[in-house]
Amino acid sequence: MSDNCLFCKIAHGEIPSRKVYEDDEVFAFHDINPVAPVHLMIIPKRHLASLMETDDSHAELLGKMLTLAPKLAREQGLENGFRTVINSGKGGGQEVFHLHIHIIGGGNIPPMVKRS
């Protein structure tokens, strides 16, 4: 756990959240500033600043997080699909420097990139 990390504090119960899943390695909760009717975050309990810090030793954890995404999406009623987003590093738009996967869905989700 990183002492100054918002998501570490959420995962360890120091800051309240609307939890949707928890096990020994992973924690999932509703985003406090949702961009869609359903907006969840999946985070590892172990502090990893971003996807850029991972290597082969994290493969099992990353697989667990990614396979949890459709399960939680379905539980939240996203039967027609959802978006997953992982922002990595400042240049990738990451704002909280603890690895997290956004699960976004419901309503009218616009394309991520405008095409000409």
Protein backbone atom coordinates (compact mmCIF):
# COMPACT_ATOMS: atom_id res chain seq x y z
CA MET A 1 0.00 0.00 0.00
CA SER A 2 1.17 3.49 -0.81
CA ASP A 3 0.43 5.94 2.01
CA ASN A 4 -0.63 8.78 -0.29
CA CYS A 5 -2.57 6.73 -2.86
CA LEU A 6 -6.31 7.38 -3.07
CA PHE A 7 -7.08 3.95 -4.54
CA CYS A 8 -4.94 2.14 -1.96
CA LYS A 9 -6.97 3.86 0.74
CA ILE A 10 -10.25 2.88 -0.97
CA ALA A 11 -9.12 -0.75 -1.39
CA HIS A 12 -8.16 -0.96 2.29
CA GLY A 13 -11.40 0.62 3.55
CA GLU A 14 -9.88 3.90 4.73
CA ILE A 15 -12.04 5.88 2.30
CA PRO A 16 -15.65 4.77 1.73
CA SER A 17 -16.76 3.55 -1.69
CA ARG A 18 -19.68 1.79 -3.32
CA LYS A 19 -18.03 -1.62 -3.53
CA VAL A 20 -19.23 -4.13 -6.11
CA TYR A 21 -16.53 -6.81 -5.69
CA GLU A 22 -13.64 -7.73 -3.43
CA ASP A 23 -11.27 -10.65 -2.98
CA ASP A 24 -7.71 -10.99 -1.68
CA GLU A 25 -6.14 -9.33 -4.74
CA VAL A 26 -8.74 -7.14 -6.42
CA PHE A 27 -11.30 -4.50 -5.47
CA ALA A 28 -14.05 -3.01 -7.67
CA PHE A 29 -16.25 -0.02 -6.98
CA HIS A 30 -18.48 2.59 -8.61
CA ASP A 31 -16.62 5.65 -9.93
CA ILE A 32 -17.40 8.75 -7.87
CA ASN A 33 -17.62 10.87 -11.07
CA PRO A 34 -19.30 8.55 -13.58
CA VAL A 35 -19.25 9.38 -17.29
CA ALA A 36 -22.09 6.91 -18.01
CA PRO A 37 -24.96 5.24 -16.16
CA VAL A 38 -22.56 2.41 -15.24
CA HIS A 39 -18.96 3.36 -14.48
CA LEU A 40 -16.95 0.94 -12.37
CA MET A 41 -13.28 0.76 -11.47
CA ILE A 42 -11.34 -2.48 -11.01
CA ILE A 43 -8.09 -2.07 -9.09
CA PRO A 44 -5.46 -4.38 -7.66
CA LYS A 45 -5.13 -4.15 -3.90
CA ARG A 46 -1.37 -4.18 -4.34
CA HIS A 47 -0.10 -0.77 -5.40
CA LEU A 48 1.02 -0.60 -9.02
CA ALA A 49 1.22 2.95 -10.35
CA SER A 50 0.20 2.07 -13.91
CA LEU A 51 0.09 -0.62 -16.55
CA MET A 52 3.55 0.60 -17.57
CA GLU A 53 4.95 -0.90 -14.34
CA THR A 54 3.72 -4.42 -15.04
CA ASP A 55 5.70 -7.33 -16.43
CA ASP A 56 5.28 -11.09 -16.86
CA SER A 57 5.04 -11.56 -13.09
CA HIS A 58 1.73 -9.66 -13.14
CA ALA A 59 0.10 -11.77 -15.88
CA GLU A 60 -2.16 -13.72 -13.50
CA LEU A 61 -3.37 -10.57 -11.73
CA LEU A 62 -4.01 -8.73 -15.01
CA GLY A 63 -5.87 -11.74 -16.39
CA LYS A 64 -7.99 -11.89 -13.27
CA MET A 65 -8.85 -8.19 -13.57
CA LEU A 66 -9.76 -8.47 -17.27
CA THR A 67 -11.91 -11.58 -16.85
CA LEU A 68 -13.70 -9.95 -13.94
CA ALA A 69 -14.76 -7.03 -16.18
CA PRO A 70 -17.49 -8.86 -18.19
CA LYS A 71 -18.80 -10.57 -15.06
CA LEU A 72 -19.27 -7.26 -13.26
CA ALA A 73 -20.61 -5.59 -16.42
CA ARG A 74 -23.31 -8.25 -16.75
CA GLU A 75 -24.18 -7.93 -13.06
CA GLN A 76 -24.70 -4.19 -13.64
CA GLY A 77 -27.07 -4.89 -16.57
CA LEU A 78 -24.66 -4.24 -19.43
CA GLU A 79 -25.85 -7.17 -21.58
CA ASN A 80 -25.31 -5.27 -24.86
CA GLY A 81 -21.68 -4.44 -24.23
CA PHE A 82 -19.43 -2.03 -22.41
CA ARG A 83 -16.16 -0.16 -22.78
CA THR A 84 -12.98 -0.89 -20.87
CA VAL A 85 -10.33 1.80 -20.53
CA ILE A 86 -6.86 1.67 -18.99
CA ASN A 87 -5.08 5.02 -19.03
CA SER A 88 -1.34 4.47 -18.57
CA GLY A 89 0.94 7.26 -17.40
CA LYS A 90 0.51 11.01 -17.57
CA GLY A 91 0.82 10.97 -21.36
CA GLY A 92 -1.99 8.41 -21.53
CA GLY A 93 -4.38 10.56 -19.53
CA GLN A 94 -3.98 8.75 -16.20
CA GLU A 95 -5.09 10.93 -13.28
CA VAL A 96 -4.87 8.56 -10.30
CA PHE A 97 -1.54 6.77 -10.32
CA HIS A 98 -2.73 3.35 -9.22
CA LEU A 99 -3.49 0.84 -11.99
CA HIS A 100 -7.21 0.75 -12.71
CA ILE A 101 -9.60 -0.50 -15.36
CA HIS A 102 -12.68 1.58 -16.12
CA ILE A 103 -15.83 -0.35 -17.06
CA ILE A 104 -18.22 2.06 -18.76
CA GLY A 105 -21.65 1.38 -20.24
CA GLY A 106 -25.33 2.09 -20.48
CA GLY A 107 -26.92 5.01 -22.26
CA ASN A 108 -25.39 6.41 -25.43
CA ILE A 109 -21.62 5.97 -25.24
CA PRO A 110 -19.93 8.07 -27.93
CA PRO A 111 -16.96 6.74 -29.92
CA MET A 112 -13.62 7.17 -28.19
CA VAL A 113 -11.98 8.64 -31.27
CA LYS A 114 -13.71 10.75 -33.90
CA ARG A 115 -13.08 9.47 -37.39
CA SER A 116 -13.06 11.77 -40.41
